[in-house]
N, C-alpha and C. Protein backbone atom coordinates (compact mmCIF):
# COMPACT_ATOMS: atom_id res chain seq x y z
N MET A 1 0.81 -1.19 0.00
CA MET A 1 0.00 0.00 0.00
C MET A 1 0.86 1.26 0.00
N LYS A 2 1.96 1.21 0.79
CA LYS A 2 2.84 2.37 0.84
C LYS A 2 3.48 2.62 -0.51
N ARG A 3 3.82 1.57 -1.24
CA ARG A 3 4.44 1.71 -2.56
C ARG A 3 3.48 2.39 -3.54
N ILE A 4 2.21 2.04 -3.46
CA ILE A 4 1.20 2.63 -4.36
C ILE A 4 1.07 4.12 -4.06
N CYS A 5 1.02 4.49 -2.79
CA CYS A 5 0.91 5.90 -2.40
C CYS A 5 2.15 6.67 -2.86
N LYS A 6 3.33 6.06 -2.67
CA LYS A 6 4.57 6.70 -3.11
C LYS A 6 4.57 6.89 -4.62
N TYR A 7 4.11 5.87 -5.35
CA TYR A 7 4.05 5.93 -6.80
C TYR A 7 3.11 7.04 -7.25
N LYS A 8 1.95 7.16 -6.61
CA LYS A 8 0.99 8.21 -6.94
C LYS A 8 1.58 9.59 -6.67
N LYS A 9 2.32 9.73 -5.56
CA LYS A 9 2.94 11.02 -5.24
C LYS A 9 3.97 11.40 -6.31
N TYR A 10 4.78 10.42 -6.72
CA TYR A 10 5.77 10.69 -7.77
C TYR A 10 5.09 11.04 -9.09
N LYS A 11 4.01 10.33 -9.38
CA LYS A 11 3.28 10.58 -10.61
C LYS A 11 2.71 12.00 -10.60
N VAL A 12 2.11 12.42 -9.50
CA VAL A 12 1.55 13.77 -9.36
C VAL A 12 2.68 14.79 -9.47
N PHE A 13 3.79 14.51 -8.81
CA PHE A 13 4.95 15.41 -8.87
C PHE A 13 5.44 15.57 -10.32
N LEU A 14 5.55 14.46 -11.03
CA LEU A 14 6.00 14.50 -12.42
C LEU A 14 5.03 15.27 -13.31
N ILE A 15 3.76 15.09 -13.10
CA ILE A 15 2.76 15.81 -13.88
C ILE A 15 2.88 17.31 -13.61
N ILE A 16 2.99 17.68 -12.35
CA ILE A 16 3.14 19.09 -11.99
C ILE A 16 4.42 19.66 -12.58
N LEU A 17 5.48 18.90 -12.54
CA LEU A 17 6.76 19.35 -13.10
C LEU A 17 6.67 19.56 -14.60
N VAL A 18 6.06 18.62 -15.30
CA VAL A 18 5.93 18.72 -16.76
C VAL A 18 5.05 19.91 -17.13
N VAL A 19 3.94 20.08 -16.45
CA VAL A 19 3.04 21.21 -16.72
C VAL A 19 3.76 22.53 -16.42
N SER A 20 4.46 22.59 -15.33
CA SER A 20 5.20 23.80 -14.96
C SER A 20 6.26 24.14 -16.01
N LEU A 21 6.99 23.15 -16.46
CA LEU A 21 8.01 23.38 -17.50
C LEU A 21 7.37 23.84 -18.81
N ALA A 22 6.24 23.26 -19.14
CA ALA A 22 5.54 23.67 -20.37
C ALA A 22 5.09 25.11 -20.26
N LEU A 23 4.50 25.49 -19.13
CA LEU A 23 4.06 26.87 -18.95
C LEU A 23 5.23 27.84 -18.95
N LEU A 24 6.31 27.44 -18.33
CA LEU A 24 7.52 28.28 -18.30
C LEU A 24 8.09 28.46 -19.70
N SER A 25 8.10 27.42 -20.48
CA SER A 25 8.63 27.53 -21.85
C SER A 25 7.74 28.44 -22.70
N VAL A 26 6.42 28.36 -22.53
CA VAL A 26 5.51 29.26 -23.25
C VAL A 26 5.78 30.70 -22.85
N PHE A 27 5.99 30.95 -21.57
CA PHE A 27 6.30 32.30 -21.08
C PHE A 27 7.56 32.83 -21.74
N PHE A 28 8.62 32.04 -21.77
CA PHE A 28 9.89 32.49 -22.36
C PHE A 28 9.79 32.66 -23.87
N ILE A 29 9.03 31.82 -24.52
CA ILE A 29 8.84 31.97 -25.97
C ILE A 29 8.13 33.29 -26.26
N ARG A 30 7.08 33.58 -25.51
CA ARG A 30 6.35 34.85 -25.71
C ARG A 30 7.22 36.04 -25.37
N LEU A 31 8.01 35.94 -24.33
CA LEU A 31 8.93 37.03 -23.96
C LEU A 31 9.94 37.25 -25.07
N PHE A 32 10.48 36.19 -25.61
CA PHE A 32 11.46 36.29 -26.69
C PHE A 32 10.82 36.88 -27.94
N GLN A 33 9.60 36.46 -28.25
CA GLN A 33 8.89 37.01 -29.42
C GLN A 33 8.63 38.50 -29.24
N LYS A 34 8.26 38.90 -28.01
CA LYS A 34 8.01 40.32 -27.74
C LYS A 34 9.29 41.12 -27.94
N GLU A 35 10.40 40.63 -27.40
CA GLU A 35 11.68 41.33 -27.55
C GLU A 35 12.07 41.40 -29.03
N ASN A 36 11.86 40.33 -29.77
CA ASN A 36 12.16 40.34 -31.20
C ASN A 36 11.29 41.36 -31.94
N ARG A 37 10.02 41.43 -31.59
CA ARG A 37 9.10 42.38 -32.20
C ARG A 37 9.55 43.81 -31.92
N GLU A 38 9.96 44.07 -30.70
CA GLU A 38 10.43 45.41 -30.32
C GLU A 38 11.69 45.78 -31.08
N ILE A 39 12.65 44.86 -31.15
CA ILE A 39 13.90 45.11 -31.87
C ILE A 39 13.63 45.27 -33.36
N HIS A 40 12.73 44.47 -33.90
CA HIS A 40 12.37 44.58 -35.32
C HIS A 40 11.80 45.97 -35.62
N PHE A 41 10.95 46.48 -34.75
CA PHE A 41 10.37 47.81 -34.93
C PHE A 41 11.47 48.87 -34.93
N ILE A 42 12.37 48.78 -33.98
CA ILE A 42 13.48 49.74 -33.92
C ILE A 42 14.32 49.64 -35.18
N ASP A 43 14.65 48.42 -35.59
CA ASP A 43 15.45 48.23 -36.80
C ASP A 43 14.75 48.77 -38.04
N GLU A 44 13.43 48.74 -38.05
CA GLU A 44 12.66 49.22 -39.20
C GLU A 44 12.68 50.75 -39.31
N ILE A 45 12.55 51.44 -38.17
CA ILE A 45 12.43 52.90 -38.26
C ILE A 45 13.74 53.65 -38.01
N ALA A 46 14.72 53.02 -37.37
CA ALA A 46 15.98 53.71 -37.06
C ALA A 46 16.68 54.26 -38.29
N PRO A 47 16.82 53.51 -39.38
CA PRO A 47 17.50 54.07 -40.56
C PRO A 47 16.80 55.31 -41.12
N ILE A 48 15.48 55.32 -41.06
CA ILE A 48 14.72 56.47 -41.55
C ILE A 48 14.95 57.67 -40.63
N ALA A 49 14.94 57.43 -39.32
CA ALA A 49 15.18 58.51 -38.36
C ALA A 49 16.57 59.11 -38.54
N VAL A 50 17.56 58.26 -38.74
CA VAL A 50 18.94 58.72 -38.95
C VAL A 50 19.01 59.53 -40.25
N GLU A 51 18.42 59.01 -41.31
CA GLU A 51 18.43 59.70 -42.61
C GLU A 51 17.77 61.08 -42.50
N LEU A 52 16.63 61.15 -41.83
CA LEU A 52 15.94 62.43 -41.67
C LEU A 52 16.79 63.43 -40.90
N ASN A 53 17.45 62.96 -39.86
CA ASN A 53 18.32 63.83 -39.08
C ASN A 53 19.49 64.32 -39.92
N GLN A 54 20.07 63.45 -40.71
CA GLN A 54 21.21 63.84 -41.56
C GLN A 54 20.77 64.83 -42.64
N GLN A 55 19.59 64.64 -43.19
CA GLN A 55 19.10 65.52 -44.25
C GLN A 55 18.68 66.89 -43.73
N THR A 56 18.13 66.93 -42.53
CA THR A 56 17.52 68.17 -42.04
C THR A 56 18.24 68.80 -40.86
N GLY A 57 19.09 68.03 -40.18
CA GLY A 57 19.69 68.53 -38.94
C GLY A 57 18.64 68.72 -37.86
N GLY A 58 17.54 68.02 -37.99
CA GLY A 58 16.40 68.19 -37.09
C GLY A 58 16.49 67.40 -35.81
N VAL A 59 15.44 66.70 -35.51
CA VAL A 59 15.28 65.97 -34.25
C VAL A 59 16.30 64.83 -34.16
N LEU A 60 16.84 64.65 -32.97
CA LEU A 60 17.78 63.54 -32.75
C LEU A 60 17.07 62.20 -33.04
N PRO A 61 17.73 61.29 -33.73
CA PRO A 61 17.12 59.98 -34.03
C PRO A 61 16.66 59.24 -32.77
N SER A 62 17.42 59.34 -31.68
CA SER A 62 17.01 58.64 -30.46
C SER A 62 15.66 59.14 -29.96
N ILE A 63 15.42 60.41 -30.09
CA ILE A 63 14.14 61.00 -29.67
C ILE A 63 13.02 60.53 -30.59
N ILE A 64 13.26 60.56 -31.90
CA ILE A 64 12.24 60.11 -32.86
C ILE A 64 11.85 58.66 -32.57
N ILE A 65 12.85 57.80 -32.40
CA ILE A 65 12.59 56.37 -32.17
C ILE A 65 11.86 56.16 -30.85
N ALA A 66 12.33 56.83 -29.79
CA ALA A 66 11.69 56.68 -28.47
C ALA A 66 10.26 57.18 -28.50
N GLN A 67 10.02 58.30 -29.18
CA GLN A 67 8.64 58.80 -29.29
C GLN A 67 7.76 57.79 -30.03
N ALA A 68 8.28 57.23 -31.11
CA ALA A 68 7.51 56.25 -31.87
C ALA A 68 7.19 55.03 -31.01
N ILE A 69 8.15 54.57 -30.23
CA ILE A 69 7.94 53.44 -29.34
C ILE A 69 6.86 53.77 -28.32
N LEU A 70 7.03 54.90 -27.65
CA LEU A 70 6.11 55.29 -26.58
C LEU A 70 4.71 55.58 -27.12
N GLU A 71 4.63 56.35 -28.19
CA GLU A 71 3.33 56.78 -28.71
C GLU A 71 2.56 55.66 -29.41
N SER A 72 3.28 54.69 -29.99
CA SER A 72 2.60 53.66 -30.79
C SER A 72 2.73 52.24 -30.25
N ASN A 73 3.37 52.09 -29.08
CA ASN A 73 3.60 50.75 -28.53
C ASN A 73 4.27 49.85 -29.58
N TYR A 74 5.42 50.32 -30.07
CA TYR A 74 6.21 49.58 -31.04
C TYR A 74 5.45 49.34 -32.35
N GLY A 75 4.65 50.33 -32.72
CA GLY A 75 3.89 50.22 -33.96
C GLY A 75 2.66 49.34 -33.87
N GLU A 76 2.25 48.98 -32.67
CA GLU A 76 1.12 48.07 -32.50
C GLU A 76 -0.13 48.72 -31.93
N SER A 77 -0.10 50.02 -31.68
CA SER A 77 -1.30 50.68 -31.18
C SER A 77 -2.36 50.66 -32.27
N GLU A 78 -3.58 50.88 -31.88
CA GLU A 78 -4.68 50.90 -32.84
C GLU A 78 -4.46 52.00 -33.88
N LEU A 79 -3.98 53.16 -33.42
CA LEU A 79 -3.73 54.28 -34.33
C LEU A 79 -2.61 53.96 -35.32
N ALA A 80 -1.56 53.30 -34.85
CA ALA A 80 -0.45 52.92 -35.73
C ALA A 80 -0.90 51.87 -36.75
N VAL A 81 -1.67 50.91 -36.31
CA VAL A 81 -2.13 49.84 -37.20
C VAL A 81 -3.12 50.38 -38.23
N LYS A 82 -4.08 51.20 -37.79
CA LYS A 82 -5.11 51.72 -38.69
C LYS A 82 -4.60 52.82 -39.62
N ALA A 83 -3.67 53.66 -39.10
CA ALA A 83 -3.33 54.89 -39.83
C ALA A 83 -1.83 55.13 -39.98
N ASN A 84 -1.00 54.16 -39.62
CA ASN A 84 0.46 54.34 -39.67
C ASN A 84 0.90 55.58 -38.90
N ASN A 85 0.11 56.02 -37.94
CA ASN A 85 0.42 57.20 -37.15
C ASN A 85 1.17 56.76 -35.90
N LEU A 86 2.47 56.96 -35.91
CA LEU A 86 3.33 56.50 -34.81
C LEU A 86 3.41 57.50 -33.66
N PHE A 87 2.99 58.75 -33.90
CA PHE A 87 3.24 59.81 -32.93
C PHE A 87 1.99 60.45 -32.36
N GLY A 88 0.84 59.97 -32.73
CA GLY A 88 -0.39 60.56 -32.21
C GLY A 88 -0.60 61.98 -32.69
N ILE A 89 -0.12 62.29 -33.90
CA ILE A 89 -0.27 63.64 -34.42
C ILE A 89 -1.71 63.83 -34.89
N LYS A 90 -2.33 64.87 -34.37
CA LYS A 90 -3.73 65.14 -34.67
C LYS A 90 -3.85 65.91 -35.99
N GLY A 91 -5.05 65.92 -36.53
CA GLY A 91 -5.34 66.63 -37.77
C GLY A 91 -5.52 65.66 -38.91
N SER A 92 -5.18 66.13 -40.13
CA SER A 92 -5.28 65.25 -41.30
C SER A 92 -4.00 65.35 -42.11
N TYR A 93 -3.72 64.32 -42.88
CA TYR A 93 -2.54 64.25 -43.74
C TYR A 93 -3.04 64.01 -45.15
N ASN A 94 -2.80 64.97 -46.02
CA ASN A 94 -3.30 64.89 -47.40
C ASN A 94 -4.79 64.55 -47.42
N GLY A 95 -5.52 65.17 -46.48
CA GLY A 95 -6.97 64.97 -46.40
C GLY A 95 -7.40 63.69 -45.71
N MET A 96 -6.47 62.89 -45.24
CA MET A 96 -6.80 61.60 -44.61
C MET A 96 -6.66 61.69 -43.09
N SER A 97 -7.65 61.13 -42.39
CA SER A 97 -7.61 61.10 -40.93
C SER A 97 -8.47 59.95 -40.41
N VAL A 98 -8.28 59.66 -39.14
CA VAL A 98 -9.13 58.69 -38.43
C VAL A 98 -9.53 59.32 -37.10
N LYS A 99 -10.73 59.03 -36.65
CA LYS A 99 -11.22 59.56 -35.38
C LYS A 99 -11.07 58.48 -34.31
N MET A 100 -10.43 58.86 -33.21
CA MET A 100 -10.18 57.89 -32.14
C MET A 100 -10.20 58.58 -30.78
N ALA A 101 -10.41 57.79 -29.74
CA ALA A 101 -10.32 58.29 -28.38
C ALA A 101 -8.85 58.44 -28.01
N THR A 102 -8.56 59.44 -27.20
CA THR A 102 -7.19 59.66 -26.74
C THR A 102 -7.21 60.18 -25.31
N ILE A 103 -6.15 59.87 -24.57
CA ILE A 103 -6.02 60.35 -23.20
C ILE A 103 -5.19 61.62 -23.23
N GLU A 104 -5.70 62.65 -22.60
CA GLU A 104 -5.00 63.93 -22.45
C GLU A 104 -4.82 64.20 -20.97
N TYR A 105 -3.97 65.17 -20.66
CA TYR A 105 -3.72 65.54 -19.27
C TYR A 105 -3.87 67.05 -19.11
N LYS A 106 -4.49 67.44 -18.01
CA LYS A 106 -4.57 68.85 -17.64
C LYS A 106 -4.43 68.91 -16.14
N ASN A 107 -3.51 69.75 -15.68
CA ASN A 107 -3.22 69.85 -14.25
C ASN A 107 -2.89 68.47 -13.66
N ASN A 108 -2.11 67.70 -14.42
CA ASN A 108 -1.66 66.36 -14.02
C ASN A 108 -2.79 65.35 -13.82
N LYS A 109 -3.97 65.64 -14.37
CA LYS A 109 -5.09 64.71 -14.30
C LYS A 109 -5.44 64.28 -15.72
N SER A 110 -5.71 62.99 -15.88
CA SER A 110 -6.02 62.48 -17.22
C SER A 110 -7.52 62.53 -17.49
N TYR A 111 -7.83 62.69 -18.79
CA TYR A 111 -9.20 62.64 -19.26
C TYR A 111 -9.18 62.15 -20.70
N THR A 112 -10.29 61.63 -21.18
CA THR A 112 -10.37 61.06 -22.52
C THR A 112 -11.22 61.95 -23.42
N ILE A 113 -10.74 62.14 -24.66
CA ILE A 113 -11.49 62.90 -25.67
C ILE A 113 -11.47 62.13 -26.98
N GLU A 114 -12.36 62.48 -27.89
CA GLU A 114 -12.34 61.97 -29.26
C GLU A 114 -11.60 63.00 -30.10
N ALA A 115 -10.70 62.55 -30.96
CA ALA A 115 -9.93 63.48 -31.79
C ALA A 115 -9.67 62.89 -33.16
N GLU A 116 -9.43 63.78 -34.13
CA GLU A 116 -9.04 63.37 -35.48
C GLU A 116 -7.51 63.25 -35.49
N PHE A 117 -7.03 62.14 -36.02
CA PHE A 117 -5.60 61.90 -36.13
C PHE A 117 -5.21 61.72 -37.59
N ARG A 118 -4.02 62.15 -37.93
CA ARG A 118 -3.52 62.02 -39.29
C ARG A 118 -3.39 60.55 -39.68
N ALA A 119 -3.79 60.24 -40.89
CA ALA A 119 -3.66 58.88 -41.43
C ALA A 119 -2.61 58.91 -42.54
N TYR A 120 -1.59 58.09 -42.40
CA TYR A 120 -0.46 58.07 -43.34
C TYR A 120 -0.50 56.82 -44.21
N PRO A 121 0.03 56.92 -45.43
CA PRO A 121 0.07 55.73 -46.29
C PRO A 121 1.09 54.69 -45.84
N ASP A 122 2.13 55.14 -45.10
CA ASP A 122 3.18 54.22 -44.63
C ASP A 122 3.94 54.86 -43.47
N LEU A 123 4.80 54.07 -42.84
CA LEU A 123 5.54 54.55 -41.67
C LEU A 123 6.52 55.67 -42.03
N LYS A 124 7.16 55.57 -43.19
CA LYS A 124 8.11 56.59 -43.59
C LYS A 124 7.43 57.96 -43.70
N SER A 125 6.23 57.99 -44.25
CA SER A 125 5.48 59.25 -44.34
C SER A 125 5.22 59.82 -42.95
N ALA A 126 4.91 58.96 -41.99
CA ALA A 126 4.68 59.42 -40.62
C ALA A 126 5.95 60.01 -40.03
N LEU A 127 7.09 59.37 -40.26
CA LEU A 127 8.36 59.87 -39.75
C LEU A 127 8.74 61.20 -40.40
N ILE A 128 8.52 61.32 -41.69
CA ILE A 128 8.82 62.57 -42.40
C ILE A 128 7.93 63.69 -41.88
N ASP A 129 6.65 63.41 -41.71
CA ASP A 129 5.71 64.42 -41.23
C ASP A 129 6.05 64.86 -39.81
N HIS A 130 6.46 63.92 -38.99
CA HIS A 130 6.88 64.22 -37.61
C HIS A 130 8.06 65.19 -37.63
N THR A 131 9.05 64.91 -38.45
CA THR A 131 10.21 65.79 -38.56
C THR A 131 9.80 67.16 -39.08
N LYS A 132 8.92 67.17 -40.06
CA LYS A 132 8.43 68.44 -40.64
C LYS A 132 7.74 69.29 -39.56
N LEU A 133 6.97 68.65 -38.70
CA LEU A 133 6.30 69.36 -37.61
C LEU A 133 7.32 70.09 -36.73
N PHE A 134 8.41 69.41 -36.41
CA PHE A 134 9.43 70.02 -35.57
C PHE A 134 10.17 71.14 -36.29
N LEU A 135 10.44 70.94 -37.54
CA LEU A 135 11.17 71.95 -38.31
C LEU A 135 10.33 73.19 -38.61
N GLU A 136 9.05 72.99 -38.89
CA GLU A 136 8.19 74.10 -39.30
C GLU A 136 7.33 74.65 -38.17
N GLY A 137 7.26 73.94 -37.06
CA GLY A 137 6.43 74.39 -35.95
C GLY A 137 4.96 74.19 -36.23
N THR A 138 4.15 74.82 -35.42
CA THR A 138 2.70 74.73 -35.57
C THR A 138 2.18 75.97 -36.29
N SER A 139 0.92 75.93 -36.68
CA SER A 139 0.34 77.07 -37.39
C SER A 139 0.30 78.32 -36.51
N TRP A 140 0.27 78.14 -35.20
CA TRP A 140 0.21 79.28 -34.29
C TRP A 140 1.58 79.69 -33.75
N ASN A 141 2.61 78.84 -33.98
CA ASN A 141 3.95 79.19 -33.50
C ASN A 141 5.00 78.44 -34.33
N LYS A 142 5.56 79.11 -35.29
CA LYS A 142 6.55 78.49 -36.20
C LYS A 142 7.82 78.04 -35.46
N HIS A 143 8.09 78.62 -34.31
CA HIS A 143 9.31 78.29 -33.54
C HIS A 143 9.01 77.45 -32.30
N GLN A 144 7.86 76.81 -32.28
CA GLN A 144 7.42 76.09 -31.09
C GLN A 144 8.44 75.04 -30.62
N TYR A 145 9.10 74.37 -31.55
CA TYR A 145 10.00 73.27 -31.16
C TYR A 145 11.47 73.63 -31.31
N TYR A 146 11.76 74.91 -31.29
CA TYR A 146 13.15 75.36 -31.43
C TYR A 146 14.04 74.70 -30.38
N ASP A 147 13.58 74.64 -29.13
CA ASP A 147 14.41 74.07 -28.05
C ASP A 147 14.70 72.59 -28.28
N VAL A 148 13.77 71.89 -28.88
CA VAL A 148 13.99 70.47 -29.18
C VAL A 148 15.08 70.34 -30.24
N LEU A 149 14.99 71.16 -31.26
CA LEU A 149 15.97 71.12 -32.36
C LEU A 149 17.35 71.58 -31.89
N ALA A 150 17.40 72.50 -30.95
CA ALA A 150 18.67 73.06 -30.47
C ALA A 150 19.32 72.21 -29.38
N ALA A 151 18.63 71.20 -28.89
CA ALA A 151 19.14 70.38 -27.78
C ALA A 151 20.45 69.70 -28.17
N ALA A 152 21.38 69.68 -27.22
CA ALA A 152 22.69 69.08 -27.45
C ALA A 152 22.67 67.56 -27.28
N ASN A 153 21.68 67.04 -26.56
CA ASN A 153 21.61 65.61 -26.32
C ASN A 153 20.15 65.20 -26.09
N TYR A 154 19.93 63.90 -25.99
CA TYR A 154 18.57 63.40 -25.88
C TYR A 154 17.88 63.81 -24.59
N GLN A 155 18.64 63.96 -23.49
CA GLN A 155 18.02 64.40 -22.23
C GLN A 155 17.45 65.80 -22.38
N GLU A 156 18.24 66.71 -22.95
CA GLU A 156 17.76 68.08 -23.17
C GLU A 156 16.57 68.08 -24.12
N ALA A 157 16.65 67.29 -25.18
CA ALA A 157 15.56 67.24 -26.16
C ALA A 157 14.28 66.72 -25.52
N ALA A 158 14.39 65.69 -24.69
CA ALA A 158 13.20 65.11 -24.04
C ALA A 158 12.53 66.15 -23.14
N HIS A 159 13.32 66.89 -22.38
CA HIS A 159 12.74 67.92 -21.50
C HIS A 159 12.21 69.10 -22.31
N ALA A 160 12.85 69.40 -23.44
CA ALA A 160 12.37 70.47 -24.30
C ALA A 160 11.00 70.13 -24.89
N LEU A 161 10.75 68.85 -25.14
CA LEU A 161 9.44 68.44 -25.66
C LEU A 161 8.33 68.84 -24.69
N LYS A 162 8.58 68.64 -23.40
CA LYS A 162 7.58 69.03 -22.40
C LYS A 162 7.48 70.55 -22.33
N LYS A 163 8.64 71.21 -22.27
CA LYS A 163 8.68 72.68 -22.20
C LYS A 163 7.96 73.31 -23.40
N ASN A 164 8.12 72.71 -24.58
CA ASN A 164 7.51 73.24 -25.80
C ASN A 164 6.11 72.71 -26.05
N HIS A 165 5.54 72.04 -25.07
CA HIS A 165 4.15 71.58 -25.09
C HIS A 165 3.85 70.57 -26.20
N TYR A 166 4.80 69.66 -26.44
CA TYR A 166 4.52 68.60 -27.42
C TYR A 166 3.51 67.61 -26.87
N ALA A 167 3.68 67.22 -25.62
CA ALA A 167 2.81 66.22 -25.00
C ALA A 167 2.26 66.76 -23.69
N THR A 168 1.09 66.25 -23.30
CA THR A 168 0.49 66.70 -22.05
C THR A 168 0.84 65.79 -20.87
N ASP A 169 1.43 64.64 -21.13
CA ASP A 169 1.82 63.69 -20.08
C ASP A 169 2.89 64.35 -19.20
N PRO A 170 2.65 64.49 -17.90
CA PRO A 170 3.60 65.18 -17.04
C PRO A 170 4.97 64.49 -16.91
N ILE A 171 5.03 63.19 -17.18
CA ILE A 171 6.33 62.50 -17.08
C ILE A 171 6.81 62.01 -18.45
N TYR A 172 6.38 62.69 -19.50
CA TYR A 172 6.77 62.34 -20.86
C TYR A 172 8.29 62.31 -21.04
N PRO A 173 9.03 63.33 -20.57
CA PRO A 173 10.50 63.28 -20.76
C PRO A 173 11.15 62.07 -20.09
N GLU A 174 10.72 61.76 -18.90
CA GLU A 174 11.29 60.64 -18.17
C GLU A 174 11.02 59.32 -18.88
N LYS A 175 9.83 59.19 -19.45
CA LYS A 175 9.50 57.98 -20.20
C LYS A 175 10.40 57.83 -21.42
N LEU A 176 10.59 58.94 -22.16
CA LEU A 176 11.46 58.89 -23.35
C LEU A 176 12.89 58.54 -22.97
N ILE A 177 13.40 59.18 -21.95
CA ILE A 177 14.78 58.93 -21.51
C ILE A 177 14.96 57.46 -21.11
N ALA A 178 13.98 56.91 -20.41
CA ALA A 178 14.07 55.50 -19.99
C ALA A 178 14.10 54.58 -21.21
N ILE A 179 13.28 54.87 -22.22
CA ILE A 179 13.27 54.05 -23.44
C ILE A 179 14.60 54.16 -24.16
N ILE A 180 15.11 55.37 -24.30
CA ILE A 180 16.40 55.58 -24.98
C ILE A 180 17.50 54.80 -24.29
N GLU A 181 17.52 54.85 -22.97
CA GLU A 181 18.57 54.15 -22.23
C GLU A 181 18.36 52.64 -22.24
N GLN A 182 17.12 52.19 -22.22
CA GLN A 182 16.84 50.75 -22.26
C GLN A 182 17.37 50.11 -23.54
N TYR A 183 17.19 50.79 -24.67
CA TYR A 183 17.58 50.23 -25.96
C TYR A 183 18.87 50.85 -26.52
N ASN A 184 19.55 51.66 -25.71
CA ASN A 184 20.80 52.29 -26.15
C ASN A 184 20.59 53.05 -27.47
N LEU A 185 19.51 53.79 -27.55
CA LEU A 185 19.15 54.48 -28.80
C LEU A 185 20.04 55.68 -29.10
N GLU A 186 20.78 56.16 -28.11
CA GLU A 186 21.66 57.30 -28.36
C GLU A 186 22.75 56.98 -29.38
N LYS A 187 22.97 55.68 -29.62
CA LYS A 187 23.96 55.28 -30.63
C LYS A 187 23.57 55.80 -32.02
N TYR A 188 22.29 56.04 -32.25
CA TYR A 188 21.83 56.55 -33.54
C TYR A 188 22.06 58.06 -33.68
N ASP A 189 22.41 58.73 -32.60
CA ASP A 189 22.59 60.18 -32.64
C ASP A 189 23.97 60.58 -33.17
N ASN A 190 24.89 59.66 -33.26
CA ASN A 190 26.26 59.98 -33.69
C ASN A 190 26.43 59.87 -35.19
């Protein structure tokens, strides 16, 4: 009788072990796929960001890439998938737009609104338009992003984005800096 009980305990232990290993392997596979997806996104847009910076002397590539990551969740947000809009830029692009809910902040409190967002034919168009926005400013202030363009490094540029009212998120600069440092994106600035 004791042998049967011992055998059942070993059998239960083995089943638990096998199930645990299977679940653990699924977790690591998904984690690896997520990391690959993130790196693939960076590899896809980094050359365009570098090229735009070299052509225009505009926004640092690390900032462009970090903003795209943050604003579009590595190109997987609903806005990025539907409209190739990596930066949450509102308005229309060549007459094309999509209407979506968005979270805004006022006095460090969040609220949701419906807004029109630019719809792009491809990611490169979104990156070019983003750079154009910084170079040309807004319709009400042509020099709105001067501090971002004049920044000597990504830390200054990230804080200039908040100072120049690019985003309403109160910790937007810190989020960008963390992304840049996580993926060593400053290597694209040289």
